[in-house]
Amino acid sequence: MADRYMEAGWEGHPIEFHFVMDAHAHLGQHENFVSIGATAAAMLQCKERMGIDLTAISSIPSTIGGWTHGNDEVIQALQRFPDRFLGYITINAHNPSSVLREAERCWSAGCRALKLHSGQGLDYDRDEIRPALDFANDKGCPILCHVWGGELDYMGKLIEKYSRSTWILAHAGCAQQEKYARVANQYENAVLETCYSRCPKGLLEYFVGEGLEDKILWGSDAPAMAISHQFGRILFADIPDEDKHTILVSNPKRILG
């Protein structure tokens, strides 16, 4: 028998029986990353249809290109829709002297987590990234990292060193799913985030089978990926009803607030 999540998905109804949080989404445009509906208002139209209450956002131009003016768009969304968005801080790692100043500016404006992306051309263990990691660790705030498998070979030392932050490993299972499971099981402050376009069958079931249901966050990566597509991965997953609740509600509330 279909559970209430499957029923809502099949019938096209929003999830109205509890709070839902999307841990990974974006605003804005980049010359190499053009998206449709990359504004706060457009995103909320989709969220309303599915019953998604809170979305953690970062700026595409800031995340990939280091154009920190993109943080202004995130801050504006927080100010306009304070109950609907949580803001990630993004930095220009190629200008280390600016990192702490920008991080403090965004923190003062209400952003409460850090987003790092290897699209800036620097591994996360480079000296240029260190000011951002020090800032996040001092604040005890989460760090969402774009991860595509290979980064996990060196990230363990960072996760261990910056232990006051929870490290959210994005795109879990996009490659070498065993690595993601191993790191999440090895480090208490490492968790997985689900957004992934190819969605091989059984991926979410694999992570739950590894005992990681308390360390999984749902993220859409919208507008780069369709929210409905990514949401359906949770709604129709072959896992217990209570694990879906944990992934959509309990874990994000605990980790992102």
C-alpha atoms as a PDB file:
ATOM      1  CA  MET A   1       0.000   0.000   0.000  1.00  0.00           C
ATOM      2  CA  ALA A   2       1.285   3.467  -0.895  1.00  0.00           C
ATOM      3  CA  ASP A   3       2.256   5.634   2.030  1.00  0.00           C
ATOM      4  CA  ARG A   4       0.986   9.203   2.440  1.00  0.00           C
ATOM      5  CA  TYR A   5       4.043  10.617   0.639  1.00  0.00           C
ATOM      6  CA  MET A   6       3.454   8.447  -2.414  1.00  0.00           C
ATOM      7  CA  GLU A   7      -0.242   9.275  -2.372  1.00  0.00           C
ATOM      8  CA  ALA A   8       0.475  13.005  -2.345  1.00  0.00           C
ATOM      9  CA  GLY A   9       2.918  12.577  -5.207  1.00  0.00           C
ATOM     10  CA  TRP A  10       0.574  10.488  -7.339  1.00  0.00           C
ATOM     11  CA  GLU A  11      -2.338  12.856  -6.760  1.00  0.00           C
ATOM     12  CA  GLY A  12      -0.277  16.001  -7.272  1.00  0.00           C
ATOM     13  CA  HIS A  13      -1.060  17.340  -3.808  1.00  0.00           C
ATOM     14  CA  PRO A  14       1.339  19.407  -1.685  1.00  0.00           C
ATOM     15  CA  ILE A  15       2.815  17.926   1.469  1.00  0.00           C
ATOM     16  CA  GLU A  16       0.619  19.682   4.013  1.00  0.00           C
ATOM     17  CA  PHE A  17       0.855  17.265   6.901  1.00  0.00           C
ATOM     18  CA  HIS A  18       4.245  18.552   8.106  1.00  0.00           C
ATOM     19  CA  PHE A  19       7.008  21.104   7.518  1.00  0.00           C
ATOM     20  CA  VAL A  20       9.360  20.443   4.569  1.00  0.00           C
ATOM     21  CA  MET A  21      12.800  21.968   3.952  1.00  0.00           C
ATOM     22  CA  ASP A  22      14.919  22.061   0.797  1.00  0.00           C
ATOM     23  CA  ALA A  23      18.580  22.244   1.845  1.00  0.00           C
ATOM     24  CA  HIS A  24      20.103  23.162  -1.534  1.00  0.00           C
ATOM     25  CA  ALA A  25      18.857  25.692  -4.086  1.00  0.00           C
ATOM     26  CA  HIS A  26      20.122  28.729  -5.974  1.00  0.00           C
ATOM     27  CA  LEU A  27      19.240  32.189  -7.193  1.00  0.00           C
ATOM     28  CA  GLY A  28      20.657  34.178 -10.084  1.00  0.00           C
ATOM     29  CA  GLN A  29      22.393  33.561 -13.390  1.00  0.00           C
ATOM     30  CA  HIS A  30      25.966  32.898 -14.509  1.00  0.00           C
ATOM     31  CA  GLU A  31      27.243  33.109 -18.083  1.00  0.00           C
ATOM     32  CA  ASN A  32      28.141  29.411 -17.940  1.00  0.00           C
ATOM     33  CA  PHE A  33      25.096  28.369 -15.913  1.00  0.00           C
ATOM     34  CA  VAL A  34      21.855  29.804 -17.230  1.00  0.00           C
ATOM     35  CA  SER A  35      18.669  28.687 -15.494  1.00  0.00           C
ATOM     36  CA  ILE A  36      14.950  29.328 -15.881  1.00  0.00           C
ATOM     37  CA  GLY A  37      13.074  30.643 -12.858  1.00  0.00           C
ATOM     38  CA  ALA A  38      16.165  31.612 -10.889  1.00  0.00           C
ATOM     39  CA  THR A  39      14.404  34.295  -8.830  1.00  0.00           C
ATOM     40  CA  ALA A  40      13.002  34.062  -5.330  1.00  0.00           C
ATOM     41  CA  ALA A  41       9.434  34.743  -6.471  1.00  0.00           C
ATOM     42  CA  ALA A  42       9.558  32.146  -9.262  1.00  0.00           C
ATOM     43  CA  MET A  43      11.007  29.549  -6.930  1.00  0.00           C
ATOM     44  CA  LEU A  44       8.277  30.094  -4.360  1.00  0.00           C
ATOM     45  CA  GLN A  45       5.587  29.461  -6.987  1.00  0.00           C
ATOM     46  CA  CYS A  46       6.981  25.944  -7.448  1.00  0.00           C
ATOM     47  CA  LYS A  47       7.482  25.432  -3.724  1.00  0.00           C
ATOM     48  CA  GLU A  48       3.864  26.333  -2.997  1.00  0.00           C
ATOM     49  CA  ARG A  49       2.596  23.669  -5.370  1.00  0.00           C
ATOM     50  CA  MET A  50       4.557  20.986  -3.536  1.00  0.00           C
ATOM     51  CA  GLY A  51       4.243  22.163   0.048  1.00  0.00           C
ATOM     52  CA  ILE A  52       7.888  23.080   0.628  1.00  0.00           C
ATOM     53  CA  ASP A  53       8.079  25.563   3.466  1.00  0.00           C
ATOM     54  CA  LEU A  54      11.713  26.624   3.781  1.00  0.00           C
ATOM     55  CA  THR A  55      14.544  26.664   1.229  1.00  0.00           C
ATOM     56  CA  ALA A  56      18.261  27.208   1.794  1.00  0.00           C
ATOM     57  CA  ILE A  57      19.640  29.311  -1.059  1.00  0.00           C
ATOM     58  CA  SER A  58      22.959  30.489  -2.404  1.00  0.00           C
ATOM     59  CA  SER A  59      23.836  32.690  -5.367  1.00  0.00           C
ATOM     60  CA  ILE A  60      24.907  30.982  -8.596  1.00  0.00           C
ATOM     61  CA  PRO A  61      27.166  33.868  -9.752  1.00  0.00           C
ATOM     62  CA  SER A  62      28.764  34.049  -6.317  1.00  0.00           C
ATOM     63  CA  THR A  63      29.097  30.295  -5.837  1.00  0.00           C
ATOM     64  CA  ILE A  64      30.682  29.549  -9.202  1.00  0.00           C
ATOM     65  CA  GLY A  65      32.160  32.843 -10.261  1.00  0.00           C
ATOM     66  CA  GLY A  66      33.068  34.409  -6.949  1.00  0.00           C
ATOM     67  CA  TRP A  67      30.979  37.487  -7.776  1.00  0.00           C
ATOM     68  CA  THR A  68      29.990  38.266  -4.235  1.00  0.00           C
ATOM     69  CA  HIS A  69      27.418  40.852  -5.330  1.00  0.00           C
ATOM     70  CA  GLY A  70      25.268  37.753  -5.816  1.00  0.00           C
ATOM     71  CA  ASN A  71      25.059  37.544  -2.038  1.00  0.00           C
ATOM     72  CA  ASP A  72      22.954  40.706  -2.233  1.00  0.00           C
ATOM     73  CA  GLU A  73      20.259  38.800  -4.119  1.00  0.00           C
ATOM     74  CA  VAL A  74      20.196  36.169  -1.373  1.00  0.00           C
ATOM     75  CA  ILE A  75      20.003  38.840   1.315  1.00  0.00           C
ATOM     76  CA  GLN A  76      17.151  40.557  -0.520  1.00  0.00           C
ATOM     77  CA  ALA A  77      15.256  37.258  -0.653  1.00  0.00           C
ATOM     78  CA  LEU A  78      15.749  36.803   3.098  1.00  0.00           C
ATOM     79  CA  GLN A  79      14.432  40.290   3.732  1.00  0.00           C
ATOM     80  CA  ARG A  80      11.460  39.929   1.390  1.00  0.00           C
ATOM     81  CA  PHE A  81      10.516  36.373   2.416  1.00  0.00           C
ATOM     82  CA  PRO A  82      12.036  35.870   5.886  1.00  0.00           C
ATOM     83  CA  ASP A  83       9.931  32.795   6.661  1.00  0.00           C
ATOM     84  CA  ARG A  84      10.653  31.033   3.371  1.00  0.00           C
ATOM     85  CA  PHE A  85      14.409  31.241   2.832  1.00  0.00           C
ATOM     86  CA  LEU A  86      17.622  30.502   4.698  1.00  0.00           C
ATOM     87  CA  GLY A  87      20.770  32.052   3.234  1.00  0.00           C
ATOM     88  CA  TYR A  88      24.146  30.532   2.449  1.00  0.00           C
ATOM     89  CA  ILE A  89      27.212  32.778   2.428  1.00  0.00           C
ATOM     90  CA  THR A  90      29.359  32.548  -0.704  1.00  0.00           C
ATOM     91  CA  ILE A  91      32.888  33.886  -1.096  1.00  0.00           C
ATOM     92  CA  ASN A  92      35.506  34.814  -3.675  1.00  0.00           C
ATOM     93  CA  ALA A  93      38.288  32.392  -2.785  1.00  0.00           C
ATOM     94  CA  HIS A  94      40.635  34.097  -5.253  1.00  0.00           C
ATOM     95  CA  ASN A  95      40.574  37.187  -3.067  1.00  0.00           C
ATOM     96  CA  PRO A  96      41.284  35.775   0.405  1.00  0.00           C
ATOM     97  CA  SER A  97      41.550  39.213   1.977  1.00  0.00           C
ATOM     98  CA  SER A  98      37.883  39.820   1.169  1.00  0.00           C
ATOM     99  CA  VAL A  99      36.542  36.556   2.591  1.00  0.00           C
ATOM    100  CA  LEU A 100      36.166  37.428   6.264  1.00  0.00           C
ATOM    101  CA  ARG A 101      34.704  40.859   5.531  1.00  0.00           C
ATOM    102  CA  GLU A 102      32.125  39.409   3.128  1.00  0.00           C
ATOM    103  CA  ALA A 103      31.285  36.542   5.463  1.00  0.00           C
ATOM    104  CA  GLU A 104      30.687  38.932   8.346  1.00  0.00           C
ATOM    105  CA  ARG A 105      28.546  41.180   6.137  1.00  0.00           C
ATOM    106  CA  CYS A 106      26.335  38.285   5.089  1.00  0.00           C
ATOM    107  CA  TRP A 107      26.138  36.911   8.619  1.00  0.00           C
ATOM    108  CA  SER A 108      25.003  40.288   9.901  1.00  0.00           C
ATOM    109  CA  ALA A 109      22.304  40.284   7.203  1.00  0.00           C
ATOM    110  CA  GLY A 110      20.946  36.938   8.400  1.00  0.00           C
ATOM    111  CA  CYS A 111      22.775  34.248   6.407  1.00  0.00           C
ATOM    112  CA  ARG A 112      23.532  31.276   8.620  1.00  0.00           C
ATOM    113  CA  ALA A 113      25.557  28.766   6.577  1.00  0.00           C
ATOM    114  CA  LEU A 114      28.473  28.651   4.119  1.00  0.00           C
ATOM    115  CA  LYS A 115      28.427  27.331   0.538  1.00  0.00           C
ATOM    116  CA  LEU A 116      31.624  26.254  -1.235  1.00  0.00           C
ATOM    117  CA  HIS A 117      31.941  25.145  -4.855  1.00  0.00           C
ATOM    118  CA  SER A 118      34.930  23.714  -6.685  1.00  0.00           C
ATOM    119  CA  GLY A 119      33.731  25.629  -9.753  1.00  0.00           C
ATOM    120  CA  GLN A 120      35.991  28.425  -8.535  1.00  0.00           C
ATOM    121  CA  GLY A 121      38.895  26.160  -9.452  1.00  0.00           C
ATOM    122  CA  LEU A 122      40.272  25.584  -5.959  1.00  0.00           C
ATOM    123  CA  ASP A 123      40.184  22.465  -3.800  1.00  0.00           C
ATOM    124  CA  TYR A 124      38.682  22.985  -0.374  1.00  0.00           C
ATOM    125  CA  ASP A 125      42.003  22.324   1.377  1.00  0.00           C
ATOM    126  CA  ARG A 126      43.738  25.253  -0.332  1.00  0.00           C
ATOM    127  CA  ASP A 127      45.000  28.110   1.819  1.00  0.00           C
ATOM    128  CA  GLU A 128      42.704  30.508  -0.026  1.00  0.00           C
ATOM    129  CA  ILE A 129      39.672  28.696   1.406  1.00  0.00           C
ATOM    130  CA  ARG A 130      40.931  28.636   4.986  1.00  0.00           C
ATOM    131  CA  PRO A 131      39.510  32.019   6.095  1.00  0.00           C
ATOM    132  CA  ALA A 132      36.016  30.832   5.145  1.00  0.00           C
ATOM    133  CA  LEU A 133      36.452  27.535   6.982  1.00  0.00           C
ATOM    134  CA  ASP A 134      37.788  29.326  10.063  1.00  0.00           C
ATOM    135  CA  PHE A 135      34.792  31.655   9.990  1.00  0.00           C
ATOM    136  CA  ALA A 136      32.278  28.824   9.707  1.00  0.00           C
ATOM    137  CA  ASN A 137      33.951  26.802  12.421  1.00  0.00           C
ATOM    138  CA  ASP A 138      34.047  29.799  14.770  1.00  0.00           C
ATOM    139  CA  LYS A 139      30.325  30.334  14.185  1.00  0.00           C
ATOM    140  CA  GLY A 140      29.543  26.625  14.351  1.00  0.00           C
ATOM    141  CA  CYS A 141      27.542  26.961  11.150  1.00  0.00           C
ATOM    142  CA  PRO A 142      27.019  24.302   8.469  1.00  0.00           C
ATOM    143  CA  ILE A 143      29.128  24.115   5.301  1.00  0.00           C
ATOM    144  CA  LEU A 144      27.475  22.895   2.088  1.00  0.00           C
ATOM    145  CA  CYS A 145      30.114  21.659  -0.366  1.00  0.00           C
ATOM    146  CA  HIS A 146      29.714  20.737  -3.998  1.00  0.00           C
ATOM    147  CA  VAL A 147      31.123  17.189  -4.053  1.00  0.00           C
ATOM    148  CA  TRP A 148      31.456  14.921  -7.057  1.00  0.00           C
ATOM    149  CA  GLY A 149      33.271  11.953  -5.530  1.00  0.00           C
ATOM    150  CA  GLY A 150      36.930  12.881  -5.909  1.00  0.00           C
ATOM    151  CA  GLU A 151      36.855  15.610  -3.277  1.00  0.00           C
ATOM    152  CA  LEU A 152      36.132  12.990  -0.633  1.00  0.00           C
ATOM    153  CA  ASP A 153      39.700  11.683  -0.980  1.00  0.00           C
ATOM    154  CA  TYR A 154      41.041  14.686   0.928  1.00  0.00           C
ATOM    155  CA  MET A 155      38.019  16.128   2.752  1.00  0.00           C
ATOM    156  CA  GLY A 156      38.226  13.838   5.775  1.00  0.00           C
ATOM    157  CA  LYS A 157      41.014  15.886   7.331  1.00  0.00           C
ATOM    158  CA  LEU A 158      39.019  19.078   6.875  1.00  0.00           C
ATOM    159  CA  ILE A 159      35.860  17.559   8.340  1.00  0.00           C
ATOM    160  CA  GLU A 160      37.877  16.415  11.341  1.00  0.00           C
ATOM    161  CA  LYS A 161      39.732  19.713  11.793  1.00  0.00           C
ATOM    162  CA  TYR A 162      36.705  21.984  11.430  1.00  0.00           C
ATOM    163  CA  SER A 163      34.576  19.899  13.732  1.00  0.00           C
ATOM    164  CA  ARG A 164      32.246  22.624  15.013  1.00  0.00           C
ATOM    165  CA  SER A 165      30.696  22.833  11.551  1.00  0.00           C
ATOM    166  CA  THR A 166      28.454  20.203  10.026  1.00  0.00           C
ATOM    167  CA  TRP A 167      29.719  19.371   6.544  1.00  0.00           C
ATOM    168  CA  ILE A 168      26.910  18.799   4.055  1.00  0.00           C
ATOM    169  CA  LEU A 169      28.198  16.712   1.150  1.00  0.00           C
ATOM    170  CA  ALA A 170      26.132  17.659  -1.885  1.00  0.00           C
ATOM    171  CA  HIS A 171      25.105  15.368  -4.744  1.00  0.00           C
ATOM    172  CA  ALA A 172      25.534  12.273  -2.598  1.00  0.00           C
ATOM    173  CA  GLY A 173      26.094   9.173  -4.668  1.00  0.00           C
ATOM    174  CA  CYS A 174      26.648  10.963  -7.979  1.00  0.00           C
ATOM    175  CA  ALA A 175      29.842   8.924  -8.156  1.00  0.00           C
ATOM    176  CA  GLN A 176      31.386   6.339  -5.868  1.00  0.00           C
ATOM    177  CA  GLN A 177      28.427   6.085  -3.515  1.00  0.00           C
ATOM    178  CA  GLU A 178      30.448   3.908  -1.150  1.00  0.00           C
ATOM    179  CA  LYS A 179      32.795   6.839  -0.505  1.00  0.00           C
ATOM    180  CA  TYR A 180      29.928   9.068   0.561  1.00  0.00           C
ATOM    181  CA  ALA A 181      28.606   6.392   2.901  1.00  0.00           C
ATOM    182  CA  ARG A 182      32.033   5.757   4.377  1.00  0.00           C
ATOM    183  CA  VAL A 183      32.727   9.439   5.079  1.00  0.00           C
ATOM    184  CA  ALA A 184      29.252  10.059   6.526  1.00  0.00           C
ATOM    185  CA  ASN A 185      29.604   7.041   8.800  1.00  0.00           C
ATOM    186  CA  GLN A 186      33.165   7.881   9.815  1.00  0.00           C
ATOM    187  CA  TYR A 187      32.656  11.519  10.817  1.00  0.00           C
ATOM    188  CA  GLU A 188      29.917  12.605  13.175  1.00  0.00           C
ATOM    189  CA  ASN A 189      29.790  16.073  11.595  1.00  0.00           C
ATOM    190  CA  ALA A 190      29.454  14.867   7.982  1.00  0.00           C
ATOM    191  CA  VAL A 191      26.018  14.440   6.382  1.00  0.00           C
ATOM    192  CA  LEU A 192      24.710  13.758   2.887  1.00  0.00           C
ATOM    193  CA  GLU A 193      22.538  15.877   0.601  1.00  0.00           C
ATOM    194  CA  THR A 194      20.555  14.185  -2.133  1.00  0.00           C
ATOM    195  CA  CYS A 195      20.280  16.339  -5.286  1.00  0.00           C
ATOM    196  CA  TYR A 196      21.389  14.447  -8.368  1.00  0.00           C
ATOM    197  CA  SER A 197      19.981  14.446 -11.871  1.00  0.00           C
ATOM    198  CA  ARG A 198      20.573  10.856 -13.001  1.00  0.00           C
ATOM    199  CA  CYS A 199      19.091   9.255  -9.864  1.00  0.00           C
ATOM    200  CA  PRO A 200      20.202   5.628 -10.248  1.00  0.00           C
ATOM    201  CA  LYS A 201      17.589   3.264  -8.911  1.00  0.00           C
ATOM    202  CA  GLY A 202      18.026   2.391  -5.258  1.00  0.00           C
ATOM    203  CA  LEU A 203      20.502   5.150  -4.365  1.00  0.00           C
ATOM    204  CA  LEU A 204      18.501   6.587  -1.485  1.00  0.00           C
ATOM    205  CA  GLU A 205      17.609   3.074  -0.359  1.00  0.00           C
ATOM    206  CA  TYR A 206      21.326   2.255  -0.338  1.00  0.00           C
ATOM    207  CA  PHE A 207      22.168   5.128   2.016  1.00  0.00           C
ATOM    208  CA  VAL A 208      19.290   4.280   4.355  1.00  0.00           C
ATOM    209  CA  GLY A 209      20.438   0.658   4.280  1.00  0.00           C
ATOM    210  CA  GLU A 210      23.857   1.862   5.427  1.00  0.00           C
ATOM    211  CA  GLY A 211      22.205   3.293   8.544  1.00  0.00           C
ATOM    212  CA  LEU A 212      22.420   6.920   7.395  1.00  0.00           C
ATOM    213  CA  GLU A 213      18.766   7.962   7.581  1.00  0.00           C
ATOM    214  CA  ASP A 214      19.658  10.428  10.353  1.00  0.00           C
ATOM    215  CA  LYS A 215      22.382  11.967   8.165  1.00  0.00           C
ATOM    216  CA  ILE A 216      20.525  12.695   4.928  1.00  0.00           C
ATOM    217  CA  LEU A 217      19.122  16.068   3.851  1.00  0.00           C
ATOM    218  CA  TRP A 218      16.861  16.532   0.870  1.00  0.00           C
ATOM    219  CA  GLY A 219      17.966  19.155  -1.634  1.00  0.00           C
ATOM    220  CA  SER A 220      16.632  20.052  -5.064  1.00  0.00           C
ATOM    221  CA  ASP A 221      19.498  22.082  -6.591  1.00  0.00           C
ATOM    222  CA  ALA A 222      16.712  24.176  -8.126  1.00  0.00           C
ATOM    223  CA  PRO A 223      16.519  25.740 -10.610  1.00  0.00           C
ATOM    224  CA  ALA A 224      19.368  23.687 -12.072  1.00  0.00           C
ATOM    225  CA  MET A 225      17.197  20.617 -11.519  1.00  0.00           C
ATOM    226  CA  ALA A 226      13.407  20.400 -11.468  1.00  0.00           C
ATOM    227  CA  ILE A 227      12.069  20.621  -7.929  1.00  0.00           C
ATOM    228  CA  SER A 228       9.303  18.128  -8.668  1.00  0.00           C
ATOM    229  CA  HIS A 229      11.774  15.604 -10.065  1.00  0.00           C
ATOM    230  CA  GLN A 230      14.049  15.819  -7.042  1.00  0.00           C
ATOM    231  CA  PHE A 231      11.155  15.845  -4.566  1.00  0.00           C
ATOM    232  CA  GLY A 232       9.747  12.719  -6.172  1.00  0.00           C
ATOM    233  CA  ARG A 233      12.935  10.865  -5.333  1.00  0.00           C
ATOM    234  CA  ILE A 234      11.991  11.139  -1.654  1.00  0.00           C
ATOM    235  CA  LEU A 235       8.233  10.761  -1.997  1.00  0.00           C
ATOM    236  CA  PHE A 236       8.499   7.541  -4.007  1.00  0.00           C
ATOM    237  CA  ALA A 237      11.590   6.044  -2.371  1.00  0.00           C
ATOM    238  CA  ASP A 238      11.252   2.486  -1.093  1.00  0.00           C
ATOM    239  CA  ILE A 239      12.050   3.422   2.481  1.00  0.00           C
ATOM    240  CA  PRO A 240       9.875   3.607   5.605  1.00  0.00           C
ATOM    241  CA  ASP A 241       7.473   6.514   6.061  1.00  0.00           C
ATOM    242  CA  GLU A 242       9.323   7.571   9.209  1.00  0.00           C
ATOM    243  CA  ASP A 243      12.624   7.826   7.303  1.00  0.00           C
ATOM    244  CA  LYS A 244      11.031  10.185   4.771  1.00  0.00           C
ATOM    245  CA  HIS A 245       9.876  12.341   7.679  1.00  0.00           C
ATOM    246  CA  THR A 246      13.388  12.270   9.109  1.00  0.00           C
ATOM    247  CA  ILE A 247      14.961  13.338   5.807  1.00  0.00           C
ATOM    248  CA  LEU A 248      12.433  16.086   5.052  1.00  0.00           C
ATOM    249  CA  VAL A 249      11.858  17.431   8.557  1.00  0.00           C
ATOM    250  CA  SER A 250      13.973  16.208  11.454  1.00  0.00           C
ATOM    251  CA  ASN A 251      17.405  16.297   9.866  1.00  0.00           C
ATOM    252  CA  PRO A 252      17.194  19.755   8.252  1.00  0.00           C
ATOM    253  CA  LYS A 253      15.706  21.263  11.399  1.00  0.00           C
ATOM    254  CA  ARG A 254      18.539  19.826  13.469  1.00  0.00           C
ATOM    255  CA  ILE A 255      21.321  20.797  11.089  1.00  0.00           C
ATOM    256  CA  LEU A 256      20.129  24.024   9.461  1.00  0.00           C
ATOM    257  CA  GLY A 257      17.649  25.241  12.047  1.00  0.00           C
END
